Amino acid sequence: MTPTATFHHLDSPGATDTITTTGIAATPVSITKTTVGPMDNSCYLISTGGDALLIDAANDADHLLALADSLGVRITDVLTTHRHADHVQALAQVLAATGARHHASQQDAPELPVAVDTRWGAAPDSDAPERLVTSSDRLNALAIDLVLLRGHTAGGLAVILRTDGDTDGVTHVFPGDSLFPGGVGKTGSPGDFTRLLDDVERRLFVLPDNSAVHPGHGDDTTLGAERPHLTDWRARGW
């Protein structure tokens, strides 16, 4: 069975679109994207069975909470992709209102404004593994992978959600600000750029070309659309 997915461009802050697909155990999974705040941050609610994982409580807590309520889901987990301020403006309020568990990387956790319940990955001064959890592990009843992407910050997290099995289903990638249409995220030095592109190439571009990429701002893309440009990105240095 091939999952169905409908994508829409978001024309205004606060707009939403929803993808309904099928999880690896034939469980319906809903992915809802909404934009919030002055930097048009993209936040994602991934829900199954009435519970939801929120990726980045970036801004406008009232909107995020109302969105979950309108979808009939309960936010049980919040994952912060990285420590930058525009991605955490609503974090404290959402966690207080929902009692959700907060997830982030070991590397970025010390810089976040609220406590982190689960710190994924190796200690900040060690070389983290390529896969932090496997698809047999579950976060909010979702079988996902978490991958560390270093360079935009010390420890960005990408969420990988596989749907309808690992062979013919669409994989959904949520890389925060580490990957966009046209290039990787902003870095502060040539070394950080090289590290980020290395991590993105080795840890994300091993996935199929039809994998959908849902970044922290702006339009979605696919790995197949971006793959031909990897060499150009490395040559230009940004």
C-alpha atoms as a PDB file:
ATOM      1  CA  MET A   1       0.000   0.000   0.000  1.00  0.00           C
ATOM      2  CA  THR A   2       1.379   3.394  -0.950  1.00  0.00           C
ATOM      3  CA  PRO A   3       0.589   6.265   1.432  1.00  0.00           C
ATOM      4  CA  THR A   4      -1.228   9.308   0.169  1.00  0.00           C
ATOM      5  CA  ALA A   5       0.221  12.725   0.849  1.00  0.00           C
ATOM      6  CA  THR A   6      -1.103  16.125  -0.154  1.00  0.00           C
ATOM      7  CA  PHE A   7       1.193  19.150   0.028  1.00  0.00           C
ATOM      8  CA  HIS A   8       0.129  22.793  -0.014  1.00  0.00           C
ATOM      9  CA  HIS A   9       2.166  25.986   0.048  1.00  0.00           C
ATOM     10  CA  LEU A  10       1.447  28.110   3.112  1.00  0.00           C
ATOM     11  CA  ASP A  11       0.553  31.626   2.077  1.00  0.00           C
ATOM     12  CA  SER A  12       0.268  33.354   5.436  1.00  0.00           C
ATOM     13  CA  PRO A  13       1.540  32.970   8.998  1.00  0.00           C
ATOM     14  CA  GLY A  14      -0.703  30.737  11.052  1.00  0.00           C
ATOM     15  CA  ALA A  15      -1.921  28.824   8.011  1.00  0.00           C
ATOM     16  CA  THR A  16      -1.846  25.051   8.218  1.00  0.00           C
ATOM     17  CA  ASP A  17      -1.779  22.092   5.923  1.00  0.00           C
ATOM     18  CA  THR A  18      -2.133  18.441   6.811  1.00  0.00           C
ATOM     19  CA  ILE A  19      -0.648  15.285   5.313  1.00  0.00           C
ATOM     20  CA  THR A  20      -2.423  12.039   6.127  1.00  0.00           C
ATOM     21  CA  THR A  21      -0.322   8.965   5.555  1.00  0.00           C
ATOM     22  CA  THR A  22       0.207   5.480   6.938  1.00  0.00           C
ATOM     23  CA  GLY A  23       2.775   4.488   9.530  1.00  0.00           C
ATOM     24  CA  ILE A  24       5.042   1.471   9.326  1.00  0.00           C
ATOM     25  CA  ALA A  25       2.547  -0.634  11.242  1.00  0.00           C
ATOM     26  CA  ALA A  26      -0.401   0.504   9.080  1.00  0.00           C
ATOM     27  CA  THR A  27      -1.322   3.046  11.754  1.00  0.00           C
ATOM     28  CA  PRO A  28      -2.732   6.321  10.416  1.00  0.00           C
ATOM     29  CA  VAL A  29      -0.289   9.171  10.928  1.00  0.00           C
ATOM     30  CA  SER A  30      -1.192  12.822  10.450  1.00  0.00           C
ATOM     31  CA  ILE A  31       1.444  15.491   9.790  1.00  0.00           C
ATOM     32  CA  THR A  32       0.219  19.051  10.203  1.00  0.00           C
ATOM     33  CA  LYS A  33       2.439  22.009   9.327  1.00  0.00           C
ATOM     34  CA  THR A  34       1.820  25.525  10.568  1.00  0.00           C
ATOM     35  CA  THR A  35       3.832  28.741  10.363  1.00  0.00           C
ATOM     36  CA  VAL A  36       4.236  31.060  13.337  1.00  0.00           C
ATOM     37  CA  GLY A  37       6.094  34.159  14.432  1.00  0.00           C
ATOM     38  CA  PRO A  38       7.869  37.014  12.655  1.00  0.00           C
ATOM     39  CA  MET A  39      10.393  34.650  11.044  1.00  0.00           C
ATOM     40  CA  ASP A  40       7.685  32.360   9.655  1.00  0.00           C
ATOM     41  CA  ASN A  41       8.925  29.338  11.535  1.00  0.00           C
ATOM     42  CA  SER A  42       7.467  26.011  10.491  1.00  0.00           C
ATOM     43  CA  CYS A  43       6.130  23.860  13.322  1.00  0.00           C
ATOM     44  CA  TYR A  44       4.919  20.307  12.828  1.00  0.00           C
ATOM     45  CA  LEU A  45       2.378  18.216  14.717  1.00  0.00           C
ATOM     46  CA  ILE A  46       2.828  14.504  14.025  1.00  0.00           C
ATOM     47  CA  SER A  47      -0.045  12.579  15.527  1.00  0.00           C
ATOM     48  CA  THR A  48      -1.275   9.033  15.778  1.00  0.00           C
ATOM     49  CA  GLY A  49      -3.878   7.526  18.058  1.00  0.00           C
ATOM     50  CA  GLY A  50      -4.822  10.875  19.587  1.00  0.00           C
ATOM     51  CA  ASP A  51      -1.312  11.738  20.818  1.00  0.00           C
ATOM     52  CA  ALA A  52       0.998  14.174  19.066  1.00  0.00           C
ATOM     53  CA  LEU A  53       4.662  15.047  18.815  1.00  0.00           C
ATOM     54  CA  LEU A  54       5.269  18.766  18.266  1.00  0.00           C
ATOM     55  CA  ILE A  55       8.462  19.598  16.419  1.00  0.00           C
ATOM     56  CA  ASP A  56       9.621  23.063  17.549  1.00  0.00           C
ATOM     57  CA  ALA A  57       7.368  25.145  19.781  1.00  0.00           C
ATOM     58  CA  ALA A  58       8.681  28.173  17.940  1.00  0.00           C
ATOM     59  CA  ASN A  59       6.154  30.920  18.663  1.00  0.00           C
ATOM     60  CA  ASP A  60       2.480  31.703  19.373  1.00  0.00           C
ATOM     61  CA  ALA A  61       1.739  29.089  22.013  1.00  0.00           C
ATOM     62  CA  ASP A  62      -1.975  29.876  21.927  1.00  0.00           C
ATOM     63  CA  HIS A  63      -2.104  29.040  18.228  1.00  0.00           C
ATOM     64  CA  LEU A  64      -0.191  25.781  18.660  1.00  0.00           C
ATOM     65  CA  LEU A  65      -2.386  24.672  21.550  1.00  0.00           C
ATOM     66  CA  ALA A  66      -5.560  25.630  19.680  1.00  0.00           C
ATOM     67  CA  LEU A  67      -4.350  23.756  16.611  1.00  0.00           C
ATOM     68  CA  ALA A  68      -3.834  20.577  18.617  1.00  0.00           C
ATOM     69  CA  ASP A  69      -7.274  21.005  20.150  1.00  0.00           C
ATOM     70  CA  SER A  70      -8.888  21.520  16.745  1.00  0.00           C
ATOM     71  CA  LEU A  71      -7.262  18.304  15.519  1.00  0.00           C
ATOM     72  CA  GLY A  72      -8.472  16.409  18.561  1.00  0.00           C
ATOM     73  CA  VAL A  73      -4.954  15.450  19.644  1.00  0.00           C
ATOM     74  CA  ARG A  74      -2.938  15.842  22.825  1.00  0.00           C
ATOM     75  CA  ILE A  75       0.644  17.094  22.694  1.00  0.00           C
ATOM     76  CA  THR A  76       2.556  14.499  24.692  1.00  0.00           C
ATOM     77  CA  ASP A  77       6.064  15.265  23.411  1.00  0.00           C
ATOM     78  CA  VAL A  78       7.883  18.345  22.154  1.00  0.00           C
ATOM     79  CA  LEU A  79      11.150  17.996  20.249  1.00  0.00           C
ATOM     80  CA  THR A  80      13.360  21.047  19.827  1.00  0.00           C
ATOM     81  CA  THR A  81      15.456  20.689  16.681  1.00  0.00           C
ATOM     82  CA  HIS A  82      18.088  23.198  17.829  1.00  0.00           C
ATOM     83  CA  ARG A  83      18.744  25.928  20.342  1.00  0.00           C
ATOM     84  CA  HIS A  84      18.173  29.117  18.305  1.00  0.00           C
ATOM     85  CA  ALA A  85      15.793  31.575  19.930  1.00  0.00           C
ATOM     86  CA  ASP A  86      13.281  31.744  17.085  1.00  0.00           C
ATOM     87  CA  HIS A  87      12.547  28.024  17.561  1.00  0.00           C
ATOM     88  CA  VAL A  88      11.738  28.144  21.298  1.00  0.00           C
ATOM     89  CA  GLN A  89       9.629  31.251  21.944  1.00  0.00           C
ATOM     90  CA  ALA A  90       6.520  29.208  22.824  1.00  0.00           C
ATOM     91  CA  LEU A  91       8.355  26.308  24.427  1.00  0.00           C
ATOM     92  CA  ALA A  92       7.871  27.120  28.110  1.00  0.00           C
ATOM     93  CA  GLN A  93       4.169  27.923  27.678  1.00  0.00           C
ATOM     94  CA  VAL A  94       3.421  24.812  25.614  1.00  0.00           C
ATOM     95  CA  LEU A  95       5.227  22.537  28.060  1.00  0.00           C
ATOM     96  CA  ALA A  96       3.464  24.126  31.030  1.00  0.00           C
ATOM     97  CA  ALA A  97       0.047  23.819  29.386  1.00  0.00           C
ATOM     98  CA  THR A  98       0.451  20.227  28.227  1.00  0.00           C
ATOM     99  CA  GLY A  99       2.863  18.549  30.629  1.00  0.00           C
ATOM    100  CA  ALA A 100       4.608  17.172  27.543  1.00  0.00           C
ATOM    101  CA  ARG A 101       8.033  15.588  27.626  1.00  0.00           C
ATOM    102  CA  HIS A 102      10.770  17.749  26.141  1.00  0.00           C
ATOM    103  CA  HIS A 103      13.409  16.251  23.840  1.00  0.00           C
ATOM    104  CA  ALA A 104      16.598  17.827  22.484  1.00  0.00           C
ATOM    105  CA  SER A 105      20.193  16.919  21.740  1.00  0.00           C
ATOM    106  CA  GLN A 106      22.877  16.615  24.385  1.00  0.00           C
ATOM    107  CA  GLN A 107      24.801  19.336  22.611  1.00  0.00           C
ATOM    108  CA  ASP A 108      22.094  21.997  22.479  1.00  0.00           C
ATOM    109  CA  ALA A 109      20.232  21.165  25.700  1.00  0.00           C
ATOM    110  CA  PRO A 110      22.360  23.376  27.998  1.00  0.00           C
ATOM    111  CA  GLU A 111      21.491  26.453  25.910  1.00  0.00           C
ATOM    112  CA  LEU A 112      17.717  25.928  25.926  1.00  0.00           C
ATOM    113  CA  PRO A 113      15.490  28.110  28.140  1.00  0.00           C
ATOM    114  CA  VAL A 114      13.671  25.194  29.797  1.00  0.00           C
ATOM    115  CA  ALA A 115      14.675  21.791  31.127  1.00  0.00           C
ATOM    116  CA  VAL A 116      15.096  18.879  28.731  1.00  0.00           C
ATOM    117  CA  ASP A 117      13.590  15.568  29.843  1.00  0.00           C
ATOM    118  CA  THR A 118      15.386  13.409  27.281  1.00  0.00           C
ATOM    119  CA  ARG A 119      18.776  14.348  25.867  1.00  0.00           C
ATOM    120  CA  TRP A 120      19.498  12.420  22.698  1.00  0.00           C
ATOM    121  CA  GLY A 121      22.947  11.548  21.481  1.00  0.00           C
ATOM    122  CA  ALA A 122      26.434  11.332  22.865  1.00  0.00           C
ATOM    123  CA  ALA A 123      28.021  13.718  25.323  1.00  0.00           C
ATOM    124  CA  PRO A 124      28.778  17.144  23.805  1.00  0.00           C
ATOM    125  CA  ASP A 125      32.525  16.485  23.564  1.00  0.00           C
ATOM    126  CA  SER A 126      32.267  13.117  21.820  1.00  0.00           C
ATOM    127  CA  ASP A 127      31.578  12.034  18.259  1.00  0.00           C
ATOM    128  CA  ALA A 128      27.905  11.106  18.220  1.00  0.00           C
ATOM    129  CA  PRO A 129      26.624   7.999  16.447  1.00  0.00           C
ATOM    130  CA  GLU A 130      24.950   8.383  13.090  1.00  0.00           C
ATOM    131  CA  ARG A 131      21.702   6.971  14.397  1.00  0.00           C
ATOM    132  CA  LEU A 132      20.567   8.005  17.846  1.00  0.00           C
ATOM    133  CA  VAL A 133      17.477   5.823  17.944  1.00  0.00           C
ATOM    134  CA  THR A 134      16.249   3.221  15.503  1.00  0.00           C
ATOM    135  CA  SER A 135      12.873   2.629  13.939  1.00  0.00           C
ATOM    136  CA  SER A 136      12.244  -0.008  16.597  1.00  0.00           C
ATOM    137  CA  ASP A 137      12.304   2.728  19.245  1.00  0.00           C
ATOM    138  CA  ARG A 138       9.241   4.842  19.845  1.00  0.00           C
ATOM    139  CA  LEU A 139       8.621   8.428  20.747  1.00  0.00           C
ATOM    140  CA  ASN A 140       4.965   9.208  21.350  1.00  0.00           C
ATOM    141  CA  ALA A 141       3.980   5.828  19.802  1.00  0.00           C
ATOM    142  CA  LEU A 142       5.768   6.858  16.601  1.00  0.00           C
ATOM    143  CA  ALA A 143       8.542   4.726  15.164  1.00  0.00           C
ATOM    144  CA  ILE A 144      11.147   7.288  14.190  1.00  0.00           C
ATOM    145  CA  ASP A 145      14.848   7.843  13.751  1.00  0.00           C
ATOM    146  CA  LEU A 146      16.656  10.823  15.240  1.00  0.00           C
ATOM    147  CA  VAL A 147      19.837  11.970  13.545  1.00  0.00           C
ATOM    148  CA  LEU A 148      22.390  14.487  14.779  1.00  0.00           C
ATOM    149  CA  LEU A 149      23.368  17.258  12.343  1.00  0.00           C
ATOM    150  CA  ARG A 150      26.251  19.388  13.606  1.00  0.00           C
ATOM    151  CA  GLY A 151      27.216  22.761  12.181  1.00  0.00           C
ATOM    152  CA  HIS A 152      24.222  25.109  12.213  1.00  0.00           C
ATOM    153  CA  THR A 153      24.451  24.613  15.974  1.00  0.00           C
ATOM    154  CA  ALA A 154      26.533  22.174  17.980  1.00  0.00           C
ATOM    155  CA  GLY A 155      23.746  19.616  17.926  1.00  0.00           C
ATOM    156  CA  GLY A 156      20.776  19.952  15.608  1.00  0.00           C
ATOM    157  CA  LEU A 157      18.343  17.048  15.509  1.00  0.00           C
ATOM    158  CA  ALA A 158      16.566  15.750  12.418  1.00  0.00           C
ATOM    159  CA  VAL A 159      13.457  13.620  12.818  1.00  0.00           C
ATOM    160  CA  ILE A 160      12.983  10.835  10.272  1.00  0.00           C
ATOM    161  CA  LEU A 161       9.508   9.311  10.019  1.00  0.00           C
ATOM    162  CA  ARG A 162       9.131   6.274   7.803  1.00  0.00           C
ATOM    163  CA  THR A 163       5.674   5.480   6.473  1.00  0.00           C
ATOM    164  CA  ASP A 164       4.125   2.388   4.904  1.00  0.00           C
ATOM    165  CA  GLY A 165       7.194   0.246   5.382  1.00  0.00           C
ATOM    166  CA  ASP A 166      10.793   0.838   4.411  1.00  0.00           C
ATOM    167  CA  THR A 167      10.560  -0.266   0.770  1.00  0.00           C
ATOM    168  CA  ASP A 168       7.955   1.735  -1.134  1.00  0.00           C
ATOM    169  CA  GLY A 169       6.648   4.223   1.405  1.00  0.00           C
ATOM    170  CA  VAL A 170       7.485   7.895   1.630  1.00  0.00           C
ATOM    171  CA  THR A 171       9.977   8.908   4.297  1.00  0.00           C
ATOM    172  CA  HIS A 172       9.439  12.305   5.933  1.00  0.00           C
ATOM    173  CA  VAL A 173      12.487  14.239   7.143  1.00  0.00           C
ATOM    174  CA  PHE A 174      12.266  17.186   9.557  1.00  0.00           C
ATOM    175  CA  PRO A 175      15.788  18.704   9.643  1.00  0.00           C
ATOM    176  CA  GLY A 176      15.126  21.961  11.486  1.00  0.00           C
ATOM    177  CA  ASP A 177      17.383  24.627   9.979  1.00  0.00           C
ATOM    178  CA  SER A 178      20.078  22.204   8.812  1.00  0.00           C
ATOM    179  CA  LEU A 179      18.696  21.604   5.304  1.00  0.00           C
ATOM    180  CA  PHE A 180      16.585  23.744   2.980  1.00  0.00           C
ATOM    181  CA  PRO A 181      15.734  23.807  -0.714  1.00  0.00           C
ATOM    182  CA  GLY A 182      18.973  24.975  -2.290  1.00  0.00           C
ATOM    183  CA  GLY A 183      21.439  24.296   0.495  1.00  0.00           C
ATOM    184  CA  VAL A 184      22.275  23.594   4.099  1.00  0.00           C
ATOM    185  CA  GLY A 185      21.587  25.992   6.942  1.00  0.00           C
ATOM    186  CA  LYS A 186      23.687  28.991   7.898  1.00  0.00           C
ATOM    187  CA  THR A 187      27.017  28.240   9.558  1.00  0.00           C
ATOM    188  CA  GLY A 188      29.545  30.449  11.301  1.00  0.00           C
ATOM    189  CA  SER A 189      32.804  29.137   9.872  1.00  0.00           C
ATOM    190  CA  PRO A 190      34.168  27.038   7.007  1.00  0.00           C
ATOM    191  CA  GLY A 191      34.715  24.197   9.449  1.00  0.00           C
ATOM    192  CA  ASP A 192      31.109  24.300  10.619  1.00  0.00           C
ATOM    193  CA  PHE A 193      29.924  24.320   7.006  1.00  0.00           C
ATOM    194  CA  THR A 194      31.998  21.264   6.161  1.00  0.00           C
ATOM    195  CA  ARG A 195      30.789  19.425   9.246  1.00  0.00           C
ATOM    196  CA  LEU A 196      27.147  20.241   8.511  1.00  0.00           C
ATOM    197  CA  LEU A 197      27.334  19.239   4.860  1.00  0.00           C
ATOM    198  CA  ASP A 198      29.190  16.058   5.815  1.00  0.00           C
ATOM    199  CA  ASP A 199      26.512  15.152   8.360  1.00  0.00           C
ATOM    200  CA  VAL A 200      23.644  15.991   6.006  1.00  0.00           C
ATOM    201  CA  GLU A 201      25.177  14.037   3.140  1.00  0.00           C
ATOM    202  CA  ARG A 202      26.081  10.992   5.230  1.00  0.00           C
ATOM    203  CA  ARG A 203      23.041  10.877   7.476  1.00  0.00           C
ATOM    204  CA  LEU A 204      20.152  12.191   5.370  1.00  0.00           C
ATOM    205  CA  PHE A 205      21.089  11.599   1.740  1.00  0.00           C
ATOM    206  CA  VAL A 206      21.326   7.861   2.370  1.00  0.00           C
ATOM    207  CA  LEU A 207      17.517   7.973   2.264  1.00  0.00           C
ATOM    208  CA  PRO A 208      15.508   7.505  -0.967  1.00  0.00           C
ATOM    209  CA  ASP A 209      15.045  10.314  -3.464  1.00  0.00           C
ATOM    210  CA  ASN A 210      11.303  10.501  -2.804  1.00  0.00           C
ATOM    211  CA  SER A 211      11.916  11.351   0.859  1.00  0.00           C
ATOM    212  CA  ALA A 212      10.034  14.545   1.704  1.00  0.00           C
ATOM    213  CA  VAL A 213      12.007  17.254   3.503  1.00  0.00           C
ATOM    214  CA  HIS A 214      10.103  19.599   5.824  1.00  0.00           C
ATOM    215  CA  PRO A 215      12.513  22.342   7.000  1.00  0.00           C
ATOM    216  CA  GLY A 216      12.272  24.840   9.827  1.00  0.00           C
ATOM    217  CA  HIS A 217      11.288  27.677   7.474  1.00  0.00           C
ATOM    218  CA  GLY A 218       9.867  27.945   3.986  1.00  0.00           C
ATOM    219  CA  ASP A 219       8.952  25.426   1.341  1.00  0.00           C
ATOM    220  CA  ASP A 220       9.249  21.668   1.446  1.00  0.00           C
ATOM    221  CA  THR A 221      11.463  19.751  -0.963  1.00  0.00           C
ATOM    222  CA  THR A 222      12.657  16.201  -1.595  1.00  0.00           C
ATOM    223  CA  LEU A 223      16.069  14.639  -1.271  1.00  0.00           C
ATOM    224  CA  GLY A 224      15.916  13.767  -4.955  1.00  0.00           C
ATOM    225  CA  ALA A 225      15.473  17.411  -5.919  1.00  0.00           C
ATOM    226  CA  GLU A 226      18.494  18.454  -3.860  1.00  0.00           C
ATOM    227  CA  ARG A 227      20.869  15.519  -4.399  1.00  0.00           C
ATOM    228  CA  PRO A 228      22.244  16.697  -7.804  1.00  0.00           C
ATOM    229  CA  HIS A 229      23.446  19.931  -6.173  1.00  0.00           C
ATOM    230  CA  LEU A 230      25.528  18.502  -3.319  1.00  0.00           C
ATOM    231  CA  THR A 231      28.801  18.932  -5.206  1.00  0.00           C
ATOM    232  CA  ASP A 232      27.921  22.529  -6.079  1.00  0.00           C
ATOM    233  CA  TRP A 233      27.088  23.313  -2.451  1.00  0.00           C
ATOM    234  CA  ARG A 234      30.446  22.001  -1.314  1.00  0.00           C
ATOM    235  CA  ALA A 235      32.300  23.954  -4.008  1.00  0.00           C
ATOM    236  CA  ARG A 236      30.618  27.267  -3.199  1.00  0.00           C
ATOM    237  CA  GLY A 237      31.097  26.825   0.559  1.00  0.00           C
ATOM    238  CA  TRP A 238      27.576  27.686   1.677  1.00  0.00           C
END
